[in-house]
Amino acid sequence: MGRVSLTGPDGVSRGSAYYGPESGENSSDGLLSNDGSITEVEISRAREALEEELNRHICGYGGPVGLGGLGGINEVCVQPHNMGGPARESTPDGYSMPVTVHLREEYSEPTGVLFFRSYRSVERDVTMTARWESGRVRLYQCTPPAYTPPPPPPPAPDPVALIASGASSAWQGIHDFFDGTERVAASAIQSLRRYFS
């Protein structure tokens, strides 16, 4: 079984996740196995699992009750300011910093006596780059590409134009309804005249 974890500079675990066959990942290709060596493929899968776990946990600060919302801050719990980086106010979007990720893989090997096995583990520390992009944590095993911020949201529609457009559509619908009703009535009157003439 493989486990990956990220620890802050204060020694507190900021997040951990399982990787490998026991976590439900497909290992039919033979690239994931508990064999006592942590391969690059396993590091990549562990990075993906840890990134997903880190982005799952949201912390709230400020606001009327101190739990975020209504003017407070809701953000991913792992932030540069609690990982030894700069304060929140001076951390721009796209900020990167190196982090050390700890991987541990437990495996067993036969002892040579009947069916008994001895259980062992191997550990490895890997330096990765953490980057905060639009409120999410991204982990990179290599040098991350240049950061491009997301495009700004489209401007809010003008409420006066929306009301005018809605009123115009409503007027057109009413006009079309009565115009159609008038045509049906005229057609019915002509049919009745032909019938009685």
C-alpha atoms as a PDB file:
ATOM      1  CA  MET A   1       0.000   0.000   0.000  1.00  0.00           C
ATOM      2  CA  GLY A   2       1.328   3.462  -0.857  1.00  0.00           C
ATOM      3  CA  ARG A   3       0.725   6.655   1.067  1.00  0.00           C
ATOM      4  CA  VAL A   4       1.771  10.177   0.132  1.00  0.00           C
ATOM      5  CA  SER A   5       1.762  13.113   2.534  1.00  0.00           C
ATOM      6  CA  LEU A   6       2.592  16.801   2.632  1.00  0.00           C
ATOM      7  CA  THR A   7       3.882  18.265   5.893  1.00  0.00           C
ATOM      8  CA  GLY A   8       4.135  21.944   6.723  1.00  0.00           C
ATOM      9  CA  PRO A   9       7.243  23.624   8.165  1.00  0.00           C
ATOM     10  CA  ASP A  10       5.714  23.301  11.647  1.00  0.00           C
ATOM     11  CA  GLY A  11       5.608  19.491  11.313  1.00  0.00           C
ATOM     12  CA  VAL A  12       1.813  19.369  10.961  1.00  0.00           C
ATOM     13  CA  SER A  13       0.449  17.183   8.168  1.00  0.00           C
ATOM     14  CA  ARG A  14      -1.354  19.354   5.600  1.00  0.00           C
ATOM     15  CA  GLY A  15      -2.768  16.444   3.632  1.00  0.00           C
ATOM     16  CA  SER A  16      -2.258  12.807   2.742  1.00  0.00           C
ATOM     17  CA  ALA A  17      -3.669  10.291   0.284  1.00  0.00           C
ATOM     18  CA  TYR A  18      -3.283   6.670  -0.726  1.00  0.00           C
ATOM     19  CA  TYR A  19      -2.020   5.641  -4.129  1.00  0.00           C
ATOM     20  CA  GLY A  20      -1.393   2.361  -5.867  1.00  0.00           C
ATOM     21  CA  PRO A  21      -3.437  -0.816  -6.314  1.00  0.00           C
ATOM     22  CA  GLU A  22      -5.150  -0.657  -2.894  1.00  0.00           C
ATOM     23  CA  SER A  23      -6.569   2.806  -3.642  1.00  0.00           C
ATOM     24  CA  GLY A  24      -8.557   1.407  -6.581  1.00  0.00           C
ATOM     25  CA  GLU A  25      -6.146   2.407  -9.330  1.00  0.00           C
ATOM     26  CA  ASN A  26      -5.852   0.093 -12.304  1.00  0.00           C
ATOM     27  CA  SER A  27      -2.581  -1.810 -12.124  1.00  0.00           C
ATOM     28  CA  SER A  28      -3.192  -4.250 -14.985  1.00  0.00           C
ATOM     29  CA  ASP A  29      -0.316  -2.666 -16.901  1.00  0.00           C
ATOM     30  CA  GLY A  30       2.077  -3.695 -14.109  1.00  0.00           C
ATOM     31  CA  LEU A  31       3.327  -0.143 -13.525  1.00  0.00           C
ATOM     32  CA  LEU A  32       1.778   0.070 -10.046  1.00  0.00           C
ATOM     33  CA  SER A  33       2.829  -2.602  -7.610  1.00  0.00           C
ATOM     34  CA  ASN A  34       3.932  -2.936  -4.013  1.00  0.00           C
ATOM     35  CA  ASP A  35       7.380  -4.280  -4.804  1.00  0.00           C
ATOM     36  CA  GLY A  36       9.614  -2.160  -2.586  1.00  0.00           C
ATOM     37  CA  SER A  37      10.595   0.452  -5.162  1.00  0.00           C
ATOM     38  CA  ILE A  38       8.838   3.764  -5.750  1.00  0.00           C
ATOM     39  CA  THR A  39       8.859   4.418  -9.484  1.00  0.00           C
ATOM     40  CA  GLU A  40       8.277   7.678 -11.381  1.00  0.00           C
ATOM     41  CA  VAL A  41       4.833   6.455 -12.442  1.00  0.00           C
ATOM     42  CA  GLU A  42       3.914   5.840  -8.800  1.00  0.00           C
ATOM     43  CA  ILE A  43       5.195   9.316  -7.877  1.00  0.00           C
ATOM     44  CA  SER A  44       3.015  10.808 -10.605  1.00  0.00           C
ATOM     45  CA  ARG A  45      -0.093   8.917  -9.417  1.00  0.00           C
ATOM     46  CA  ALA A  46       0.683   9.893  -5.812  1.00  0.00           C
ATOM     47  CA  ARG A  47       1.003  13.561  -6.856  1.00  0.00           C
ATOM     48  CA  GLU A  48      -2.404  13.442  -8.553  1.00  0.00           C
ATOM     49  CA  ALA A  49      -4.034  11.811  -5.513  1.00  0.00           C
ATOM     50  CA  LEU A  50      -2.461  14.333  -3.115  1.00  0.00           C
ATOM     51  CA  GLU A  51      -3.451  17.291  -5.298  1.00  0.00           C
ATOM     52  CA  GLU A  52      -7.061  16.082  -5.358  1.00  0.00           C
ATOM     53  CA  GLU A  53      -7.039  15.635  -1.582  1.00  0.00           C
ATOM     54  CA  LEU A  54      -5.558  19.097  -0.928  1.00  0.00           C
ATOM     55  CA  ASN A  55      -8.177  20.797  -3.113  1.00  0.00           C
ATOM     56  CA  ARG A  56     -11.009  18.938  -1.387  1.00  0.00           C
ATOM     57  CA  HIS A  57     -10.537  20.719   1.957  1.00  0.00           C
ATOM     58  CA  ILE A  58     -11.829  24.299   2.202  1.00  0.00           C
ATOM     59  CA  CYS A  59     -11.219  26.530   5.233  1.00  0.00           C
ATOM     60  CA  GLY A  60     -13.165  29.674   6.102  1.00  0.00           C
ATOM     61  CA  TYR A  61     -11.874  32.772   7.901  1.00  0.00           C
ATOM     62  CA  GLY A  62     -13.458  36.045   8.909  1.00  0.00           C
ATOM     63  CA  GLY A  63     -17.073  36.957   8.295  1.00  0.00           C
ATOM     64  CA  PRO A  64     -19.657  37.514  11.025  1.00  0.00           C
ATOM     65  CA  VAL A  65     -19.001  34.195  12.806  1.00  0.00           C
ATOM     66  CA  GLY A  66     -15.343  33.763  11.852  1.00  0.00           C
ATOM     67  CA  LEU A  67     -16.071  30.799   9.564  1.00  0.00           C
ATOM     68  CA  GLY A  68     -15.959  32.560   6.202  1.00  0.00           C
ATOM     69  CA  GLY A  69     -18.880  33.494   4.005  1.00  0.00           C
ATOM     70  CA  LEU A  70     -20.770  36.808   4.101  1.00  0.00           C
ATOM     71  CA  GLY A  71     -17.640  38.890   3.620  1.00  0.00           C
ATOM     72  CA  GLY A  72     -15.152  36.312   4.973  1.00  0.00           C
ATOM     73  CA  ILE A  73     -12.639  34.219   3.056  1.00  0.00           C
ATOM     74  CA  ASN A  74     -13.255  30.658   1.859  1.00  0.00           C
ATOM     75  CA  GLU A  75     -10.131  29.069   0.406  1.00  0.00           C
ATOM     76  CA  VAL A  76      -8.205  25.826   0.088  1.00  0.00           C
ATOM     77  CA  CYS A  77      -6.725  25.123   3.539  1.00  0.00           C
ATOM     78  CA  VAL A  78      -3.148  24.717   2.252  1.00  0.00           C
ATOM     79  CA  GLN A  79      -1.905  28.227   1.484  1.00  0.00           C
ATOM     80  CA  PRO A  80       1.558  29.793   1.082  1.00  0.00           C
ATOM     81  CA  HIS A  81       1.268  31.589   4.432  1.00  0.00           C
ATOM     82  CA  ASN A  82       0.871  28.302   6.349  1.00  0.00           C
ATOM     83  CA  MET A  83       3.533  26.501   4.290  1.00  0.00           C
ATOM     84  CA  GLY A  84       6.332  28.939   5.154  1.00  0.00           C
ATOM     85  CA  GLY A  85       5.664  31.370   2.307  1.00  0.00           C
ATOM     86  CA  PRO A  86       4.729  35.064   2.391  1.00  0.00           C
ATOM     87  CA  ALA A  87       1.671  36.489   4.120  1.00  0.00           C
ATOM     88  CA  ARG A  88      -1.702  36.195   2.412  1.00  0.00           C
ATOM     89  CA  GLU A  89      -1.769  39.896   1.468  1.00  0.00           C
ATOM     90  CA  SER A  90       1.495  39.660  -0.495  1.00  0.00           C
ATOM     91  CA  THR A  91       0.797  36.343  -2.270  1.00  0.00           C
ATOM     92  CA  PRO A  92      -0.255  36.875  -5.890  1.00  0.00           C
ATOM     93  CA  ASP A  93      -2.331  34.421  -7.882  1.00  0.00           C
ATOM     94  CA  GLY A  94       0.071  31.957  -9.501  1.00  0.00           C
ATOM     95  CA  TYR A  95       2.554  32.023  -6.604  1.00  0.00           C
ATOM     96  CA  SER A  96       4.934  29.018  -6.647  1.00  0.00           C
ATOM     97  CA  MET A  97       7.097  27.498  -3.947  1.00  0.00           C
ATOM     98  CA  PRO A  98       9.037  24.237  -3.520  1.00  0.00           C
ATOM     99  CA  VAL A  99       7.492  21.644  -1.191  1.00  0.00           C
ATOM    100  CA  THR A 100       8.717  18.244  -0.050  1.00  0.00           C
ATOM    101  CA  VAL A 101       6.314  15.351  -0.476  1.00  0.00           C
ATOM    102  CA  HIS A 102       6.870  12.154   1.521  1.00  0.00           C
ATOM    103  CA  LEU A 103       6.016   8.778  -0.057  1.00  0.00           C
ATOM    104  CA  ARG A 104       5.855   5.501   1.842  1.00  0.00           C
ATOM    105  CA  GLU A 105       5.215   2.114   0.256  1.00  0.00           C
ATOM    106  CA  GLU A 106       4.574  -1.002   2.312  1.00  0.00           C
ATOM    107  CA  TYR A 107       5.253  -4.379   0.757  1.00  0.00           C
ATOM    108  CA  SER A 108       5.831  -7.984   1.739  1.00  0.00           C
ATOM    109  CA  GLU A 109       8.277 -10.616   0.600  1.00  0.00           C
ATOM    110  CA  PRO A 110       8.405 -14.355   1.228  1.00  0.00           C
ATOM    111  CA  THR A 111      10.605 -15.525   4.087  1.00  0.00           C
ATOM    112  CA  GLY A 112      11.319 -18.888   2.478  1.00  0.00           C
ATOM    113  CA  VAL A 113       9.579 -20.773   5.259  1.00  0.00           C
ATOM    114  CA  LEU A 114       6.251 -22.202   4.106  1.00  0.00           C
ATOM    115  CA  PHE A 115       3.824 -19.394   3.369  1.00  0.00           C
ATOM    116  CA  PHE A 116       5.189 -16.827   5.842  1.00  0.00           C
ATOM    117  CA  ARG A 117       5.988 -13.334   4.622  1.00  0.00           C
ATOM    118  CA  SER A 118       7.955 -10.473   6.149  1.00  0.00           C
ATOM    119  CA  TYR A 119       6.485  -6.991   5.914  1.00  0.00           C
ATOM    120  CA  ARG A 120       8.713  -4.046   5.048  1.00  0.00           C
ATOM    121  CA  SER A 121       8.402  -0.477   3.889  1.00  0.00           C
ATOM    122  CA  VAL A 122      10.388   1.913   1.727  1.00  0.00           C
ATOM    123  CA  GLU A 123      10.212   5.716   1.960  1.00  0.00           C
ATOM    124  CA  ARG A 124      11.182   8.516  -0.380  1.00  0.00           C
ATOM    125  CA  ASP A 125      11.084  12.308  -0.197  1.00  0.00           C
ATOM    126  CA  VAL A 126      10.396  14.116  -3.467  1.00  0.00           C
ATOM    127  CA  THR A 127      10.699  17.859  -3.995  1.00  0.00           C
ATOM    128  CA  MET A 128       7.831  19.270  -6.045  1.00  0.00           C
ATOM    129  CA  THR A 129       6.607  22.733  -6.936  1.00  0.00           C
ATOM    130  CA  ALA A 130       3.281  23.861  -5.481  1.00  0.00           C
ATOM    131  CA  ARG A 131       1.495  26.649  -7.322  1.00  0.00           C
ATOM    132  CA  TRP A 132      -1.748  28.331  -6.292  1.00  0.00           C
ATOM    133  CA  GLU A 133      -3.821  28.931  -9.417  1.00  0.00           C
ATOM    134  CA  SER A 134      -7.227  30.576  -9.153  1.00  0.00           C
ATOM    135  CA  GLY A 135      -7.789  29.319  -5.620  1.00  0.00           C
ATOM    136  CA  ARG A 136      -6.583  25.751  -6.230  1.00  0.00           C
ATOM    137  CA  VAL A 137      -3.303  24.001  -5.428  1.00  0.00           C
ATOM    138  CA  ARG A 138      -1.407  22.470  -8.346  1.00  0.00           C
ATOM    139  CA  LEU A 139       1.592  20.204  -7.789  1.00  0.00           C
ATOM    140  CA  TYR A 140       4.300  19.864 -10.445  1.00  0.00           C
ATOM    141  CA  GLN A 141       7.104  17.290 -10.532  1.00  0.00           C
ATOM    142  CA  CYS A 142       9.050  19.343 -13.053  1.00  0.00           C
ATOM    143  CA  THR A 143       9.508  23.042 -13.714  1.00  0.00           C
ATOM    144  CA  PRO A 144       5.951  24.374 -14.106  1.00  0.00           C
ATOM    145  CA  PRO A 145       5.001  26.203 -17.305  1.00  0.00           C
ATOM    146  CA  ALA A 146       4.574  29.967 -17.231  1.00  0.00           C
ATOM    147  CA  TYR A 147       1.398  30.940 -15.411  1.00  0.00           C
ATOM    148  CA  THR A 148      -1.338  32.680 -17.343  1.00  0.00           C
ATOM    149  CA  PRO A 149      -4.192  33.982 -15.204  1.00  0.00           C
ATOM    150  CA  PRO A 150      -7.717  33.045 -16.236  1.00  0.00           C
ATOM    151  CA  PRO A 151      -9.592  35.593 -18.364  1.00  0.00           C
ATOM    152  CA  PRO A 152     -11.742  38.056 -16.425  1.00  0.00           C
ATOM    153  CA  PRO A 153     -15.406  37.149 -16.139  1.00  0.00           C
ATOM    154  CA  PRO A 154     -17.725  38.686 -18.721  1.00  0.00           C
ATOM    155  CA  PRO A 155     -19.309  41.962 -17.648  1.00  0.00           C
ATOM    156  CA  ALA A 156     -22.654  41.767 -15.925  1.00  0.00           C
ATOM    157  CA  PRO A 157     -25.590  42.490 -18.248  1.00  0.00           C
ATOM    158  CA  ASP A 158     -27.244  45.894 -18.003  1.00  0.00           C
ATOM    159  CA  PRO A 159     -30.514  45.471 -16.035  1.00  0.00           C
ATOM    160  CA  VAL A 160     -32.254  48.258 -17.990  1.00  0.00           C
ATOM    161  CA  ALA A 161     -31.411  46.546 -21.294  1.00  0.00           C
ATOM    162  CA  LEU A 162     -32.650  43.202 -19.899  1.00  0.00           C
ATOM    163  CA  ILE A 163     -35.963  44.725 -18.802  1.00  0.00           C
ATOM    164  CA  ALA A 164     -36.388  46.485 -22.170  1.00  0.00           C
ATOM    165  CA  SER A 165     -35.597  43.273 -24.044  1.00  0.00           C
ATOM    166  CA  GLY A 166     -38.047  41.304 -21.863  1.00  0.00           C
ATOM    167  CA  ALA A 167     -40.795  43.887 -22.354  1.00  0.00           C
ATOM    168  CA  SER A 168     -40.205  43.882 -26.132  1.00  0.00           C
ATOM    169  CA  SER A 169     -40.386  40.077 -26.230  1.00  0.00           C
ATOM    170  CA  ALA A 170     -43.583  40.078 -24.148  1.00  0.00           C
ATOM    171  CA  TRP A 171     -45.170  42.720 -26.400  1.00  0.00           C
ATOM    172  CA  GLN A 172     -44.181  40.762 -29.521  1.00  0.00           C
ATOM    173  CA  GLY A 173     -45.663  37.575 -28.021  1.00  0.00           C
ATOM    174  CA  ILE A 174     -48.962  39.296 -27.173  1.00  0.00           C
ATOM    175  CA  HIS A 175     -49.092  40.876 -30.637  1.00  0.00           C
ATOM    176  CA  ASP A 176     -48.417  37.530 -32.344  1.00  0.00           C
ATOM    177  CA  PHE A 177     -51.071  35.825 -30.199  1.00  0.00           C
ATOM    178  CA  PHE A 178     -53.818  38.307 -31.047  1.00  0.00           C
ATOM    179  CA  ASP A 179     -52.698  38.552 -34.674  1.00  0.00           C
ATOM    180  CA  GLY A 180     -52.996  34.762 -34.969  1.00  0.00           C
ATOM    181  CA  THR A 181     -56.362  34.799 -33.194  1.00  0.00           C
ATOM    182  CA  GLU A 182     -57.601  37.494 -35.595  1.00  0.00           C
ATOM    183  CA  ARG A 183     -56.540  35.425 -38.612  1.00  0.00           C
ATOM    184  CA  VAL A 184     -58.283  32.322 -37.240  1.00  0.00           C
ATOM    185  CA  ALA A 185     -61.477  34.317 -36.575  1.00  0.00           C
ATOM    186  CA  ALA A 186     -61.411  35.867 -40.058  1.00  0.00           C
ATOM    187  CA  SER A 187     -60.897  32.452 -41.623  1.00  0.00           C
ATOM    188  CA  ALA A 188     -63.791  31.015 -39.592  1.00  0.00           C
ATOM    189  CA  ILE A 189     -66.125  33.871 -40.646  1.00  0.00           C
ATOM    190  CA  GLN A 190     -65.253  33.358 -44.330  1.00  0.00           C
ATOM    191  CA  SER A 191     -65.892  29.626 -44.000  1.00  0.00           C
ATOM    192  CA  LEU A 192     -69.297  30.285 -42.419  1.00  0.00           C
ATOM    193  CA  ARG A 193     -70.231  32.766 -45.177  1.00  0.00           C
ATOM    194  CA  ARG A 194     -69.314  30.244 -47.862  1.00  0.00           C
ATOM    195  CA  TYR A 195     -71.288  27.563 -46.083  1.00  0.00           C
ATOM    196  CA  PHE A 196     -74.461  29.647 -45.821  1.00  0.00           C
ATOM    197  CA  SER A 197     -74.243  31.201 -49.298  1.00  0.00           C
END
